[in-house]
C-alpha atoms as a PDB file:
ATOM      1  CA  ASN A   1    -128.625  89.598  65.054  1.00  0.00           C
ATOM      2  CA  LYS A   2    -131.490  91.388  66.779  1.00  0.00           C
ATOM      3  CA  ALA A   3    -131.077  94.623  64.817  1.00  0.00           C
ATOM      4  CA  LYS A   4    -131.350  92.843  61.452  1.00  0.00           C
ATOM      5  CA  THR A   5    -134.341  90.798  62.619  1.00  0.00           C
ATOM      6  CA  LEU A   6    -136.157  93.943  63.728  1.00  0.00           C
ATOM      7  CA  TYR A   7    -135.372  95.505  60.341  1.00  0.00           C
ATOM      8  CA  LYS A   8    -136.818  92.502  58.496  1.00  0.00           C
ATOM      9  CA  LEU A   9    -139.955  92.768  60.652  1.00  0.00           C
ATOM     10  CA  GLY A  10    -140.349  96.403  59.614  1.00  0.00           C
ATOM     11  CA  ARG A  11    -139.621  97.680  63.115  1.00  0.00           C
ATOM     12  CA  PHE A  12    -137.193 100.279  61.828  1.00  0.00           C
ATOM     13  CA  ASP A  13    -137.000 102.570  64.861  1.00  0.00           C
ATOM     14  CA  GLU A  14    -136.175  99.652  67.155  1.00  0.00           C
ATOM     15  CA  SER A  15    -133.666  98.314  64.657  1.00  0.00           C
ATOM     16  CA  LEU A  16    -132.055 101.741  64.387  1.00  0.00           C
ATOM     17  CA  ASN A  17    -131.758 101.916  68.174  1.00  0.00           C
ATOM     18  CA  CYS A  18    -130.017  98.526  68.173  1.00  0.00           C
ATOM     19  CA  PHE A  19    -127.561  99.624  65.497  1.00  0.00           C
ATOM     20  CA  ASN A  20    -126.873 102.847  67.416  1.00  0.00           C
ATOM     21  CA  THR A  21    -126.137 100.785  70.527  1.00  0.00           C
ATOM     22  CA  LEU A  22    -123.825  98.538  68.522  1.00  0.00           C
ATOM     23  CA  LEU A  23    -121.992 101.602  67.195  1.00  0.00           C
ATOM     24  CA  THR A  24    -121.234 102.748  70.741  1.00  0.00           C
ATOM     25  CA  MET A  25    -119.337  99.472  71.167  1.00  0.00           C
ATOM     26  CA  LYS A  26    -117.977  98.991  67.634  1.00  0.00           C
ATOM     27  CA  LYS A  27    -117.748 102.417  66.009  1.00  0.00           C
ATOM     28  CA  GLU A  28    -115.302 101.126  63.380  1.00  0.00           C
ATOM     29  CA  CYS A  29    -117.583  98.301  62.178  1.00  0.00           C
ATOM     30  CA  VAL A  30    -118.418  99.165  58.569  1.00  0.00           C
ATOM     31  CA  SER A  31    -121.364  96.778  58.248  1.00  0.00           C
ATOM     32  CA  ILE A  32    -123.152  98.452  61.166  1.00  0.00           C
ATOM     33  CA  TRP A  33    -122.800 101.849  59.468  1.00  0.00           C
ATOM     34  CA  GLU A  34    -124.061 100.370  56.209  1.00  0.00           C
ATOM     35  CA  ASN A  35    -127.111  98.822  57.873  1.00  0.00           C
ATOM     36  CA  LYS A  36    -127.813 102.032  59.765  1.00  0.00           C
ATOM     37  CA  GLY A  37    -127.675 103.953  56.484  1.00  0.00           C
ATOM     38  CA  MET A  38    -130.146 101.558  54.875  1.00  0.00           C
ATOM     39  CA  ILE A  39    -132.598 102.012  57.751  1.00  0.00           C
ATOM     40  CA  LEU A  40    -132.231 105.789  57.716  1.00  0.00           C
ATOM     41  CA  ALA A  41    -132.943 105.829  53.981  1.00  0.00           C
ATOM     42  CA  LYS A  42    -135.952 103.565  54.503  1.00  0.00           C
ATOM     43  CA  ILE A  43    -137.466 105.940  57.094  1.00  0.00           C
ATOM     44  CA  GLY A  44    -136.766 109.038  55.021  1.00  0.00           C
ATOM     45  CA  LYS A  45    -133.757 110.426  56.894  1.00  0.00           C
ATOM     46  CA  PHE A  46    -131.776 110.817  53.708  1.00  0.00           C
ATOM     47  CA  GLU A  47    -129.123 113.289  54.881  1.00  0.00           C
ATOM     48  CA  ASP A  48    -128.217 111.009  57.776  1.00  0.00           C
ATOM     49  CA  ALA A  49    -128.219 107.992  55.453  1.00  0.00           C
ATOM     50  CA  CYS A  50    -125.767 109.752  53.123  1.00  0.00           C
ATOM     51  CA  GLU A  51    -123.461 110.440  56.066  1.00  0.00           C
ATOM     52  CA  CYS A  52    -123.496 106.752  57.005  1.00  0.00           C
ATOM     53  CA  PHE A  53    -122.802 105.702  53.427  1.00  0.00           C
ATOM     54  CA  GLU A  54    -119.896 108.150  53.220  1.00  0.00           C
ATOM     55  CA  ILE A  55    -118.392 106.567  56.348  1.00  0.00           C
ATOM     56  CA  VAL A  56    -118.730 103.139  54.714  1.00  0.00           C
ATOM     57  CA  ILE A  57    -117.131 104.298  51.465  1.00  0.00           C
ATOM     58  CA  LYS A  58    -114.199 106.000  53.211  1.00  0.00           C
ATOM     59  CA  ALA A  59    -113.577 103.082  55.555  1.00  0.00           C
ATOM     60  CA  LYS A  60    -113.666 100.440  52.836  1.00  0.00           C
ATOM     61  CA  ASN A  61    -111.408 102.507  50.577  1.00  0.00           C
ATOM     62  CA  GLY A  62    -108.993 103.084  53.457  1.00  0.00           C
ATOM     63  CA  TYR A  63    -108.797  99.385  54.321  1.00  0.00           C
ATOM     64  CA  ALA A  64    -108.415  98.390  50.688  1.00  0.00           C
ATOM     65  CA  ASN A  65    -105.686 100.980  50.076  1.00  0.00           C
ATOM     66  CA  LYS A  66    -103.637  99.544  52.956  1.00  0.00           C
ATOM     67  CA  TRP A  67    -103.808  96.075  51.406  1.00  0.00           C
ATOM     68  CA  LYS A  68    -103.007  97.466  47.941  1.00  0.00           C
ATOM     69  CA  LYS A  69     -99.993  99.351  49.300  1.00  0.00           C
ATOM     70  CA  LYS A  70     -98.710  96.216  51.006  1.00  0.00           C
ATOM     71  CA  SER A  71     -99.260  94.328  47.739  1.00  0.00           C
ATOM     72  CA  GLU A  72     -97.156  96.889  45.851  1.00  0.00           C
ATOM     73  CA  GLU A  73     -94.366  96.619  48.427  1.00  0.00           C
ATOM     74  CA  LEU A  74     -94.375  92.829  48.120  1.00  0.00           C
ATOM     75  CA  LEU A  75     -94.198  93.108  44.328  1.00  0.00           C
ATOM     76  CA  GLN A  76     -91.087  95.255  44.618  1.00  0.00           C
ATOM     77  CA  LEU A  77     -89.560  92.584  46.848  1.00  0.00           C
ATOM     78  CA  GLY A  78     -90.310  89.980  44.183  1.00  0.00           C
ATOM     79  CA  LYS A  79     -92.943  88.223  46.292  1.00  0.00           C
ATOM     80  CA  ASN A  80     -95.466  88.085  43.472  1.00  0.00           C
ATOM     81  CA  GLU A  81     -97.730  85.311  44.791  1.00  0.00           C
ATOM     82  CA  ILE A  82     -98.182  86.924  48.192  1.00  0.00           C
ATOM     83  CA  ALA A  83     -98.657  90.315  46.515  1.00  0.00           C
ATOM     84  CA  LYS A  84    -101.423  88.828  44.371  1.00  0.00           C
ATOM     85  CA  ASP A  85    -103.129  87.455  47.499  1.00  0.00           C
ATOM     86  CA  TYR A  86    -102.987  90.862  49.186  1.00  0.00           C
ATOM     87  CA  PHE A  87    -104.450  92.526  46.119  1.00  0.00           C
ATOM     88  CA  GLU A  88    -107.297  89.976  46.099  1.00  0.00           C
ATOM     89  CA  ILE A  89    -108.016  90.869  49.734  1.00  0.00           C
ATOM     90  CA  ALA A  90    -108.249  94.540  48.728  1.00  0.00           C
ATOM     91  CA  LYS A  91    -110.725  93.627  45.974  1.00  0.00           C
ATOM     92  CA  LYS A  92    -112.852  91.637  48.438  1.00  0.00           C
ATOM     93  CA  ILE A  93    -112.943  94.573  50.852  1.00  0.00           C
ATOM     94  CA  LEU A  94    -114.288  96.812  48.098  1.00  0.00           C
ATOM     95  CA  ALA A  95    -116.803  94.231  46.876  1.00  0.00           C
ATOM     96  CA  GLY A  96    -120.272  95.724  47.023  1.00  0.00           C
ATOM     97  CA  THR A  97    -119.087  99.285  47.591  1.00  0.00           C
ATOM     98  CA  GLU A  98    -120.391 100.287  44.161  1.00  0.00           C
ATOM     99  CA  LYS A  99    -123.923  99.571  45.452  1.00  0.00           C
ATOM    100  CA  ILE A 100    -123.364 102.086  48.257  1.00  0.00           C
ATOM    101  CA  PHE A 101    -122.358 104.721  45.687  1.00  0.00           C
ATOM    102  CA  VAL A 102    -125.514 103.999  43.658  1.00  0.00           C
ATOM    103  CA  LYS A 103    -127.749 104.160  46.744  1.00  0.00           C
ATOM    104  CA  LYS A 104    -126.124 107.419  47.843  1.00  0.00           C
ATOM    105  CA  SER A 105    -126.493 108.964  44.363  1.00  0.00           C
ATOM    106  CA  LYS A 106    -130.202 108.036  44.304  1.00  0.00           C
ATOM    107  CA  ILE A 107    -130.708 109.646  47.700  1.00  0.00           C
ATOM    108  CA  LEU A 108    -128.850 112.793  46.631  1.00  0.00           C
ATOM    109  CA  SER A 109    -130.929 113.095  43.459  1.00  0.00           C
ATOM    110  CA  GLY A 110    -134.083 112.608  45.537  1.00  0.00           C
ATOM    111  CA  LEU A 111    -132.938 115.541  47.661  1.00  0.00           C
ATOM    112  CA  GLY A 112    -132.506 117.621  44.504  1.00  0.00           C
ATOM    113  CA  ARG A 113    -128.717 117.571  44.824  1.00  0.00           C
ATOM    114  CA  PHE A 114    -128.140 116.440  41.248  1.00  0.00           C
ATOM    115  CA  ASN A 115    -124.547 117.630  40.866  1.00  0.00           C
ATOM    116  CA  GLU A 116    -123.541 115.732  43.993  1.00  0.00           C
ATOM    117  CA  ALA A 117    -125.359 112.653  42.699  1.00  0.00           C
ATOM    118  CA  ILE A 118    -123.412 112.812  39.434  1.00  0.00           C
ATOM    119  CA  GLU A 119    -120.132 113.322  41.335  1.00  0.00           C
ATOM    120  CA  CYS A 120    -120.935 110.290  43.461  1.00  0.00           C
ATOM    121  CA  LEU A 121    -121.487 108.152  40.369  1.00  0.00           C
ATOM    122  CA  GLU A 122    -118.293 109.498  38.805  1.00  0.00           C
ATOM    123  CA  LYS A 123    -116.307 108.487  41.908  1.00  0.00           C
ATOM    124  CA  ALA A 124    -117.771 105.002  41.646  1.00  0.00           C
ATOM    125  CA  ILE A 125    -116.908 104.772  37.948  1.00  0.00           C
ATOM    126  CA  LYS A 126    -113.354 105.895  38.703  1.00  0.00           C
ATOM    127  CA  LEU A 127    -113.007 103.160  41.340  1.00  0.00           C
ATOM    128  CA  TYR A 128    -114.740 100.532  39.200  1.00  0.00           C
ATOM    129  CA  PRO A 129    -113.846 101.377  35.581  1.00  0.00           C
ATOM    130  CA  ASP A 130    -114.845  97.902  34.376  1.00  0.00           C
ATOM    131  CA  ASN A 131    -118.341  98.107  35.870  1.00  0.00           C
ATOM    132  CA  ASP A 132    -120.562  98.848  32.871  1.00  0.00           C
ATOM    133  CA  LYS A 133    -123.632  98.973  35.111  1.00  0.00           C
ATOM    134  CA  LEU A 134    -122.334 102.138  36.800  1.00  0.00           C
ATOM    135  CA  VAL A 135    -121.781 103.842  33.455  1.00  0.00           C
ATOM    136  CA  HIS A 136    -125.288 102.805  32.399  1.00  0.00           C
ATOM    137  CA  ILE A 137    -126.790 104.202  35.619  1.00  0.00           C
ATOM    138  CA  LYS A 138    -124.974 107.504  35.065  1.00  0.00           C
ATOM    139  CA  GLU A 139    -126.163 107.658  31.435  1.00  0.00           C
ATOM    140  CA  ASN A 140    -129.756 107.004  32.544  1.00  0.00           C
ATOM    141  CA  PHE A 141    -129.439 109.668  35.203  1.00  0.00           C
ATOM    142  CA  LEU A 142    -128.147 112.213  32.690  1.00  0.00           C
ATOM    143  CA  SER A 143    -130.856 111.343  30.156  1.00  0.00           C
ATOM    144  CA  LYS A 144    -133.507 111.752  32.861  1.00  0.00           C
ATOM    145  CA  TYR A 145    -132.200 114.976  34.392  1.00  0.00           C
ATOM    146  CA  GLY A 146    -130.046 116.373  31.599  1.00  0.00           C
ATOM    147  CA  ASN A 147    -126.599 117.748  32.108  1.00  0.00           C
ATOM    148  CA  ILE A 148    -127.301 119.494  35.411  1.00  0.00           C
ATOM    149  CA  ARG A 149    -123.887 121.158  35.514  1.00  0.00           C
ATOM    150  CA  ASP A 150    -124.802 123.321  32.534  1.00  0.00           C
ATOM    151  CA  HIS A 151    -127.706 124.897  34.455  1.00  0.00           C
END
């Protein structure tokens, strides 16, 4: 992919233009939004990067919820094996989304928007309650910045 190659070569503006062109053709493609967000963060356009990451988070959650809902319906019909497969698909869709939450929270804290950064981490922890790394990141954030909400 030309856009990714340009990114790897450090030609971020050209890469960004390629991803923008791709989005005109495939606006619903989550990976394009994710890559665009990474480039925007790299070149210091943090607000725009956060918007891209929010699109990724919402899209992945939406897709996963559809598969989870179908899984629940299949369970009620007694089709347990198929339901399990659908649930596994939902998990695969969400795989890696926690990294987007972490990246977004780092950007928000860099912008001085500490409460939003904490909220972002809390959303991730709610979605991934078994991910100890997220809890650890939040604890480190709070120890570094204190309990911002009290201020």
